[in-house]
Amino acid sequence: MLSLASCVALASGIVFGFGLSLSGMLNPVRVQGFLDIFGAWDPSLAFVLGGAVVVAFTGVQVMKRMERPVLDDSFHVPTDNRIDAPLVVGSALFGLGWGIGGFCPGPAVASLSVGLPQTVLFVAAMLAGMTLYGRVWSRRT
């Protein structure tokens, strides 16, 4: 049986996936159109990102006023704010994958529901990269 925290996480994921679908962000062509600023630029992703920033900002402000989270003992907020080589390289790889594939991890997983072969290939490559990173990086730390 699922715990309350798992049910809330599942519901949040469903709402997130529905929002991505409703906004058209499961279509990699739309994402690539946003990145094509010198061609047929599609600004719709800017509005989706703006909405996400408003929701995240509101959530952080609410979190700051809370003593502890509702479904955990403490908040898990990153404390390291250094900009180092792994962060820059990882960001560049993320951007390349986003530009070439038209997906970032959330929409890629949500797009599996559409059943396109290129989505399955992208998610498989993403998982392989995450696994490789975990194995290589765990040796370095």
N, C-alpha and C. Protein backbone atom coordinates (compact mmCIF):
# COMPACT_ATOMS: atom_id res chain seq x y z
N MET A 1 0.83 -1.18 0.00
CA MET A 1 0.00 0.00 0.00
C MET A 1 0.88 1.25 0.00
N LEU A 2 0.48 2.24 -0.75
CA LEU A 2 1.25 3.48 -0.85
C LEU A 2 1.07 4.35 0.38
N SER A 3 2.17 4.98 0.81
CA SER A 3 2.08 5.92 1.92
C SER A 3 1.45 7.22 1.45
N LEU A 4 1.08 8.06 2.38
CA LEU A 4 0.50 9.35 2.03
C LEU A 4 1.49 10.18 1.22
N ALA A 5 2.75 10.15 1.61
CA ALA A 5 3.78 10.91 0.89
C ALA A 5 3.91 10.41 -0.55
N SER A 6 3.85 9.10 -0.74
CA SER A 6 3.94 8.54 -2.10
C SER A 6 2.72 8.93 -2.93
N CYS A 7 1.55 8.92 -2.30
CA CYS A 7 0.33 9.32 -3.02
C CYS A 7 0.39 10.80 -3.44
N VAL A 8 0.89 11.64 -2.56
CA VAL A 8 1.03 13.07 -2.88
C VAL A 8 2.05 13.25 -4.00
N ALA A 9 3.16 12.52 -3.94
CA ALA A 9 4.17 12.60 -5.00
C ALA A 9 3.59 12.13 -6.33
N LEU A 10 2.83 11.05 -6.32
CA LEU A 10 2.20 10.55 -7.54
C LEU A 10 1.21 11.56 -8.10
N ALA A 11 0.39 12.14 -7.23
CA ALA A 11 -0.57 13.15 -7.68
C ALA A 11 0.14 14.37 -8.25
N SER A 12 1.23 14.79 -7.62
CA SER A 12 2.01 15.92 -8.13
C SER A 12 2.58 15.62 -9.51
N GLY A 13 3.08 14.41 -9.68
CA GLY A 13 3.61 14.01 -10.99
C GLY A 13 2.54 13.98 -12.06
N ILE A 14 1.36 13.52 -11.70
CA ILE A 14 0.26 13.48 -12.66
C ILE A 14 -0.14 14.90 -13.06
N VAL A 15 -0.24 15.80 -12.09
CA VAL A 15 -0.58 17.20 -12.39
C VAL A 15 0.50 17.83 -13.26
N PHE A 16 1.77 17.56 -12.95
CA PHE A 16 2.89 18.09 -13.73
C PHE A 16 2.82 17.58 -15.17
N GLY A 17 2.62 16.28 -15.34
CA GLY A 17 2.53 15.70 -16.68
C GLY A 17 1.34 16.24 -17.46
N PHE A 18 0.21 16.41 -16.78
CA PHE A 18 -0.97 16.97 -17.43
C PHE A 18 -0.70 18.40 -17.87
N GLY A 19 -0.03 19.17 -17.02
CA GLY A 19 0.31 20.55 -17.37
C GLY A 19 1.25 20.62 -18.57
N LEU A 20 2.21 19.72 -18.61
CA LEU A 20 3.12 19.67 -19.76
C LEU A 20 2.36 19.33 -21.03
N SER A 21 1.45 18.38 -20.93
CA SER A 21 0.66 17.98 -22.09
C SER A 21 -0.24 19.13 -22.55
N LEU A 22 -0.92 19.74 -21.60
CA LEU A 22 -1.83 20.84 -21.91
C LEU A 22 -1.11 22.01 -22.57
N SER A 23 0.12 22.28 -22.14
CA SER A 23 0.88 23.41 -22.68
C SER A 23 1.59 23.07 -23.99
N GLY A 24 1.55 21.81 -24.39
CA GLY A 24 2.20 21.41 -25.64
C GLY A 24 3.68 21.12 -25.51
N MET A 25 4.18 21.04 -24.29
CA MET A 25 5.61 20.85 -24.09
C MET A 25 6.05 19.40 -24.23
N LEU A 26 5.12 18.50 -24.54
CA LEU A 26 5.51 17.12 -24.84
C LEU A 26 5.93 16.98 -26.29
N ASN A 27 5.75 18.04 -27.06
CA ASN A 27 6.13 18.05 -28.46
C ASN A 27 7.53 18.66 -28.60
N PRO A 28 8.54 17.85 -28.92
CA PRO A 28 9.90 18.39 -29.00
C PRO A 28 10.06 19.46 -30.07
N VAL A 29 9.22 19.46 -31.08
CA VAL A 29 9.29 20.48 -32.13
C VAL A 29 8.98 21.85 -31.55
N ARG A 30 8.04 21.91 -30.61
CA ARG A 30 7.70 23.18 -29.97
C ARG A 30 8.89 23.70 -29.15
N VAL A 31 9.55 22.82 -28.43
CA VAL A 31 10.71 23.22 -27.63
C VAL A 31 11.83 23.69 -28.55
N GLN A 32 12.09 22.95 -29.61
CA GLN A 32 13.14 23.35 -30.55
C GLN A 32 12.78 24.66 -31.24
N GLY A 33 11.49 24.91 -31.47
CA GLY A 33 11.05 26.18 -32.04
C GLY A 33 11.35 27.35 -31.12
N PHE A 34 11.25 27.12 -29.82
CA PHE A 34 11.59 28.16 -28.85
C PHE A 34 13.09 28.48 -28.90
N LEU A 35 13.90 27.44 -29.10
CA LEU A 35 15.35 27.64 -29.13
C LEU A 35 15.84 28.20 -30.47
N ASP A 36 15.01 28.18 -31.49
CA ASP A 36 15.38 28.68 -32.83
C ASP A 36 15.06 30.18 -32.91
N ILE A 37 15.88 30.99 -32.24
CA ILE A 37 15.57 32.43 -32.15
C ILE A 37 15.80 33.17 -33.47
N PHE A 38 16.55 32.60 -34.37
CA PHE A 38 16.80 33.26 -35.66
C PHE A 38 15.96 32.69 -36.79
N GLY A 39 15.09 31.74 -36.46
CA GLY A 39 14.23 31.12 -37.47
C GLY A 39 12.77 31.34 -37.14
N ALA A 40 12.03 30.26 -37.14
CA ALA A 40 10.60 30.32 -36.83
C ALA A 40 10.41 30.22 -35.32
N TRP A 41 10.74 31.30 -34.62
CA TRP A 41 10.73 31.30 -33.16
C TRP A 41 9.32 31.14 -32.61
N ASP A 42 9.17 30.23 -31.63
CA ASP A 42 7.89 29.97 -30.96
C ASP A 42 8.04 30.38 -29.49
N PRO A 43 7.45 31.52 -29.08
CA PRO A 43 7.65 32.02 -27.72
C PRO A 43 6.80 31.31 -26.65
N SER A 44 6.00 30.33 -27.01
CA SER A 44 5.08 29.73 -26.04
C SER A 44 5.79 29.12 -24.83
N LEU A 45 6.98 28.58 -25.02
CA LEU A 45 7.71 27.99 -23.90
C LEU A 45 8.08 29.05 -22.87
N ALA A 46 8.31 30.28 -23.29
CA ALA A 46 8.63 31.36 -22.36
C ALA A 46 7.48 31.56 -21.37
N PHE A 47 6.25 31.45 -21.84
CA PHE A 47 5.10 31.61 -20.96
C PHE A 47 4.98 30.42 -19.99
N VAL A 48 5.29 29.23 -20.48
CA VAL A 48 5.26 28.05 -19.61
C VAL A 48 6.34 28.19 -18.55
N LEU A 49 7.54 28.59 -18.96
CA LEU A 49 8.63 28.78 -18.00
C LEU A 49 8.29 29.89 -17.00
N GLY A 50 7.70 30.97 -17.47
CA GLY A 50 7.30 32.06 -16.58
C GLY A 50 6.29 31.59 -15.54
N GLY A 51 5.31 30.80 -15.96
CA GLY A 51 4.35 30.24 -15.02
C GLY A 51 5.02 29.34 -14.00
N ALA A 52 5.99 28.55 -14.43
CA ALA A 52 6.72 27.67 -13.53
C ALA A 52 7.51 28.47 -12.50
N VAL A 53 8.11 29.57 -12.93
CA VAL A 53 8.87 30.42 -12.01
C VAL A 53 7.94 31.01 -10.95
N VAL A 54 6.76 31.45 -11.35
CA VAL A 54 5.80 32.01 -10.39
C VAL A 54 5.39 30.95 -9.37
N VAL A 55 5.10 29.74 -9.83
CA VAL A 55 4.70 28.66 -8.92
C VAL A 55 5.85 28.30 -7.98
N ALA A 56 7.06 28.17 -8.51
CA ALA A 56 8.22 27.82 -7.68
C ALA A 56 8.52 28.92 -6.66
N PHE A 57 8.47 30.18 -7.09
CA PHE A 57 8.72 31.29 -6.20
C PHE A 57 7.71 31.30 -5.05
N THR A 58 6.46 31.08 -5.39
CA THR A 58 5.41 31.04 -4.37
C THR A 58 5.66 29.89 -3.39
N GLY A 59 6.02 28.74 -3.92
CA GLY A 59 6.31 27.59 -3.06
C GLY A 59 7.47 27.84 -2.12
N VAL A 60 8.51 28.49 -2.60
CA VAL A 60 9.67 28.79 -1.75
C VAL A 60 9.28 29.79 -0.66
N GLN A 61 8.47 30.78 -1.01
CA GLN A 61 8.03 31.76 0.00
C GLN A 61 7.19 31.09 1.08
N VAL A 62 6.31 30.18 0.69
CA VAL A 62 5.50 29.44 1.67
C VAL A 62 6.41 28.57 2.53
N MET A 63 7.38 27.90 1.90
CA MET A 63 8.31 27.03 2.63
C MET A 63 9.07 27.81 3.69
N LYS A 64 9.50 29.02 3.37
CA LYS A 64 10.27 29.83 4.31
C LYS A 64 9.47 30.17 5.57
N ARG A 65 8.15 30.19 5.45
CA ARG A 65 7.30 30.52 6.60
C ARG A 65 6.93 29.29 7.43
N MET A 66 7.23 28.11 6.91
CA MET A 66 6.86 26.88 7.61
C MET A 66 7.99 26.43 8.52
N GLU A 67 7.61 25.85 9.64
CA GLU A 67 8.60 25.32 10.56
C GLU A 67 9.21 24.03 10.03
N ARG A 68 8.37 23.19 9.42
CA ARG A 68 8.81 21.94 8.82
C ARG A 68 7.80 21.54 7.75
N PRO A 69 8.18 20.68 6.83
CA PRO A 69 7.23 20.25 5.80
C PRO A 69 6.11 19.40 6.39
N VAL A 70 5.03 19.30 5.67
CA VAL A 70 3.87 18.55 6.14
C VAL A 70 4.15 17.05 6.19
N LEU A 71 4.88 16.52 5.20
CA LEU A 71 5.06 15.07 5.10
C LEU A 71 6.50 14.62 5.33
N ASP A 72 7.31 15.41 6.03
CA ASP A 72 8.69 15.02 6.32
C ASP A 72 9.11 15.73 7.60
N ASP A 73 10.27 15.35 8.11
CA ASP A 73 10.76 15.95 9.35
C ASP A 73 11.49 17.27 9.11
N SER A 74 12.09 17.42 7.93
CA SER A 74 12.83 18.65 7.64
C SER A 74 12.83 18.90 6.14
N PHE A 75 13.14 20.14 5.78
CA PHE A 75 13.27 20.49 4.37
C PHE A 75 14.63 20.02 3.87
N HIS A 76 14.68 19.62 2.62
CA HIS A 76 15.94 19.17 2.02
C HIS A 76 16.34 20.18 0.95
N VAL A 77 16.97 21.26 1.40
CA VAL A 77 17.34 22.36 0.52
C VAL A 77 18.85 22.33 0.33
N PRO A 78 19.34 22.40 -0.91
CA PRO A 78 20.78 22.39 -1.12
C PRO A 78 21.46 23.57 -0.41
N THR A 79 22.62 23.31 0.13
CA THR A 79 23.37 24.37 0.82
C THR A 79 24.58 24.82 0.02
N ASP A 80 25.04 23.98 -0.91
CA ASP A 80 26.22 24.32 -1.72
C ASP A 80 25.79 25.22 -2.88
N ASN A 81 26.36 26.41 -2.95
CA ASN A 81 26.01 27.33 -4.03
C ASN A 81 27.22 27.68 -4.91
N ARG A 82 28.23 26.81 -4.88
CA ARG A 82 29.42 27.03 -5.72
C ARG A 82 29.11 26.75 -7.18
N ILE A 83 29.73 27.52 -8.05
CA ILE A 83 29.68 27.25 -9.49
C ILE A 83 31.04 26.65 -9.83
N ASP A 84 31.06 25.35 -10.07
CA ASP A 84 32.31 24.65 -10.35
C ASP A 84 32.23 23.96 -11.72
N ALA A 85 33.32 23.31 -12.10
CA ALA A 85 33.40 22.68 -13.42
C ALA A 85 32.31 21.63 -13.64
N PRO A 86 32.05 20.73 -12.68
CA PRO A 86 31.00 19.74 -12.92
C PRO A 86 29.63 20.40 -13.16
N LEU A 87 29.34 21.48 -12.47
CA LEU A 87 28.06 22.16 -12.68
C LEU A 87 27.99 22.77 -14.07
N VAL A 88 29.07 23.41 -14.51
CA VAL A 88 29.09 24.03 -15.83
C VAL A 88 29.02 22.98 -16.93
N VAL A 89 29.79 21.90 -16.80
CA VAL A 89 29.77 20.84 -17.81
C VAL A 89 28.40 20.16 -17.84
N GLY A 90 27.85 19.88 -16.67
CA GLY A 90 26.53 19.26 -16.62
C GLY A 90 25.46 20.15 -17.23
N SER A 91 25.55 21.44 -16.97
CA SER A 91 24.58 22.39 -17.55
C SER A 91 24.71 22.43 -19.06
N ALA A 92 25.94 22.41 -19.55
CA ALA A 92 26.16 22.43 -21.00
C ALA A 92 25.62 21.15 -21.65
N LEU A 93 25.86 20.01 -21.02
CA LEU A 93 25.33 18.75 -21.55
C LEU A 93 23.80 18.74 -21.53
N PHE A 94 23.22 19.26 -20.46
CA PHE A 94 21.76 19.35 -20.38
C PHE A 94 21.24 20.22 -21.52
N GLY A 95 21.86 21.38 -21.73
CA GLY A 95 21.43 22.29 -22.79
C GLY A 95 21.57 21.68 -24.17
N LEU A 96 22.66 20.96 -24.41
CA LEU A 96 22.84 20.28 -25.70
C LEU A 96 21.76 19.23 -25.91
N GLY A 97 21.52 18.43 -24.90
CA GLY A 97 20.48 17.40 -25.01
C GLY A 97 19.11 18.01 -25.22
N TRP A 98 18.85 19.11 -24.53
CA TRP A 98 17.56 19.79 -24.66
C TRP A 98 17.39 20.35 -26.06
N GLY A 99 18.45 20.96 -26.59
CA GLY A 99 18.38 21.55 -27.93
C GLY A 99 18.29 20.51 -29.03
N ILE A 100 19.07 19.45 -28.91
CA ILE A 100 19.08 18.43 -29.96
C ILE A 100 17.83 17.56 -29.90
N GLY A 101 17.48 17.10 -28.69
CA GLY A 101 16.35 16.19 -28.55
C GLY A 101 15.01 16.88 -28.38
N GLY A 102 15.03 18.13 -27.91
CA GLY A 102 13.79 18.84 -27.67
C GLY A 102 13.10 18.42 -26.37
N PHE A 103 13.82 17.72 -25.52
CA PHE A 103 13.27 17.26 -24.25
C PHE A 103 14.20 17.59 -23.11
N CYS A 104 13.64 17.80 -21.94
CA CYS A 104 14.38 17.71 -20.70
C CYS A 104 13.75 16.53 -19.94
N PRO A 105 14.31 16.11 -18.82
CA PRO A 105 13.87 14.84 -18.22
C PRO A 105 12.36 14.72 -17.94
N GLY A 106 11.75 15.72 -17.34
CA GLY A 106 10.32 15.62 -17.01
C GLY A 106 9.44 15.41 -18.23
N PRO A 107 9.51 16.31 -19.22
CA PRO A 107 8.71 16.11 -20.42
C PRO A 107 9.05 14.83 -21.18
N ALA A 108 10.31 14.40 -21.13
CA ALA A 108 10.68 13.16 -21.83
C ALA A 108 9.94 11.97 -21.22
N VAL A 109 9.92 11.89 -19.90
CA VAL A 109 9.23 10.78 -19.25
C VAL A 109 7.73 10.88 -19.50
N ALA A 110 7.18 12.10 -19.42
CA ALA A 110 5.75 12.28 -19.69
C ALA A 110 5.42 11.92 -21.14
N SER A 111 6.34 12.18 -22.06
CA SER A 111 6.10 11.90 -23.48
C SER A 111 6.11 10.41 -23.80
N LEU A 112 6.57 9.59 -22.87
CA LEU A 112 6.51 8.14 -23.10
C LEU A 112 5.07 7.70 -23.30
N SER A 113 4.13 8.45 -22.73
CA SER A 113 2.71 8.10 -22.88
C SER A 113 2.23 8.25 -24.32
N VAL A 114 2.95 9.03 -25.13
CA VAL A 114 2.57 9.24 -26.53
C VAL A 114 3.02 8.05 -27.38
N GLY A 115 4.12 7.39 -26.97
CA GLY A 115 4.57 6.19 -27.65
C GLY A 115 5.44 6.41 -28.87
N LEU A 116 6.06 7.57 -29.00
CA LEU A 116 6.95 7.81 -30.14
C LEU A 116 8.28 7.10 -29.93
N PRO A 117 8.79 6.40 -30.95
CA PRO A 117 10.06 5.67 -30.79
C PRO A 117 11.22 6.58 -30.40
N GLN A 118 11.27 7.81 -30.92
CA GLN A 118 12.39 8.70 -30.58
C GLN A 118 12.35 9.09 -29.10
N THR A 119 11.16 9.12 -28.51
CA THR A 119 11.05 9.42 -27.08
C THR A 119 11.63 8.28 -26.27
N VAL A 120 11.32 7.06 -26.64
CA VAL A 120 11.86 5.89 -25.95
C VAL A 120 13.38 5.89 -26.05
N LEU A 121 13.91 6.20 -27.24
CA LEU A 121 15.36 6.26 -27.42
C LEU A 121 15.98 7.36 -26.55
N PHE A 122 15.35 8.53 -26.51
CA PHE A 122 15.87 9.63 -25.70
C PHE A 122 15.89 9.24 -24.22
N VAL A 123 14.79 8.67 -23.71
CA VAL A 123 14.73 8.30 -22.29
C VAL A 123 15.75 7.20 -21.99
N ALA A 124 15.92 6.24 -22.89
CA ALA A 124 16.92 5.19 -22.68
C ALA A 124 18.33 5.78 -22.62
N ALA A 125 18.63 6.71 -23.53
CA ALA A 125 19.94 7.36 -23.52
C ALA A 125 20.11 8.20 -22.26
N MET A 126 19.05 8.87 -21.83
CA MET A 126 19.10 9.67 -20.61
C MET A 126 19.39 8.79 -19.39
N LEU A 127 18.70 7.68 -19.29
CA LEU A 127 18.92 6.76 -18.17
C LEU A 127 20.32 6.15 -18.21
N ALA A 128 20.80 5.83 -19.41
CA ALA A 128 22.17 5.30 -19.54
C ALA A 128 23.18 6.36 -19.09
N GLY A 129 22.97 7.59 -19.49
CA GLY A 129 23.87 8.68 -19.07
C GLY A 129 23.84 8.89 -17.57
N MET A 130 22.65 8.82 -16.97
CA MET A 130 22.53 8.98 -15.52
C MET A 130 23.23 7.84 -14.78
N THR A 131 23.09 6.64 -15.31
CA THR A 131 23.74 5.48 -14.71
C THR A 131 25.25 5.59 -14.82
N LEU A 132 25.73 5.95 -16.00
CA LEU A 132 27.17 6.13 -16.21
C LEU A 132 27.72 7.20 -15.28
N TYR A 133 27.02 8.32 -15.19
CA TYR A 133 27.45 9.40 -14.31
C TYR A 133 27.52 8.91 -12.86
N GLY A 134 26.48 8.20 -12.42
CA GLY A 134 26.46 7.71 -11.04
C GLY A 134 27.62 6.78 -10.75
N ARG A 135 27.94 5.93 -11.69
CA ARG A 135 29.04 4.99 -11.46
C ARG A 135 30.40 5.67 -11.52
N VAL A 136 30.60 6.58 -12.44
CA VAL A 136 31.88 7.28 -12.56
C VAL A 136 32.04 8.27 -11.42
N TRP A 137 31.03 9.04 -11.13
CA TRP A 137 31.15 10.09 -10.12
C TRP A 137 31.27 9.50 -8.72
N SER A 138 30.59 8.38 -8.47
CA SER A 138 30.67 7.78 -7.12
C SER A 138 32.09 7.32 -6.82
N ARG A 139 32.86 7.03 -7.83
CA ARG A 139 34.27 6.64 -7.62
C ARG A 139 35.13 7.84 -7.29
N ARG A 140 34.74 9.01 -7.76
CA ARG A 140 35.55 10.23 -7.57
C ARG A 140 35.31 10.88 -6.22
N THR A 141 34.18 10.59 -5.61
CA THR A 141 33.86 11.26 -4.34
C THR A 141 34.01 10.33 -3.15
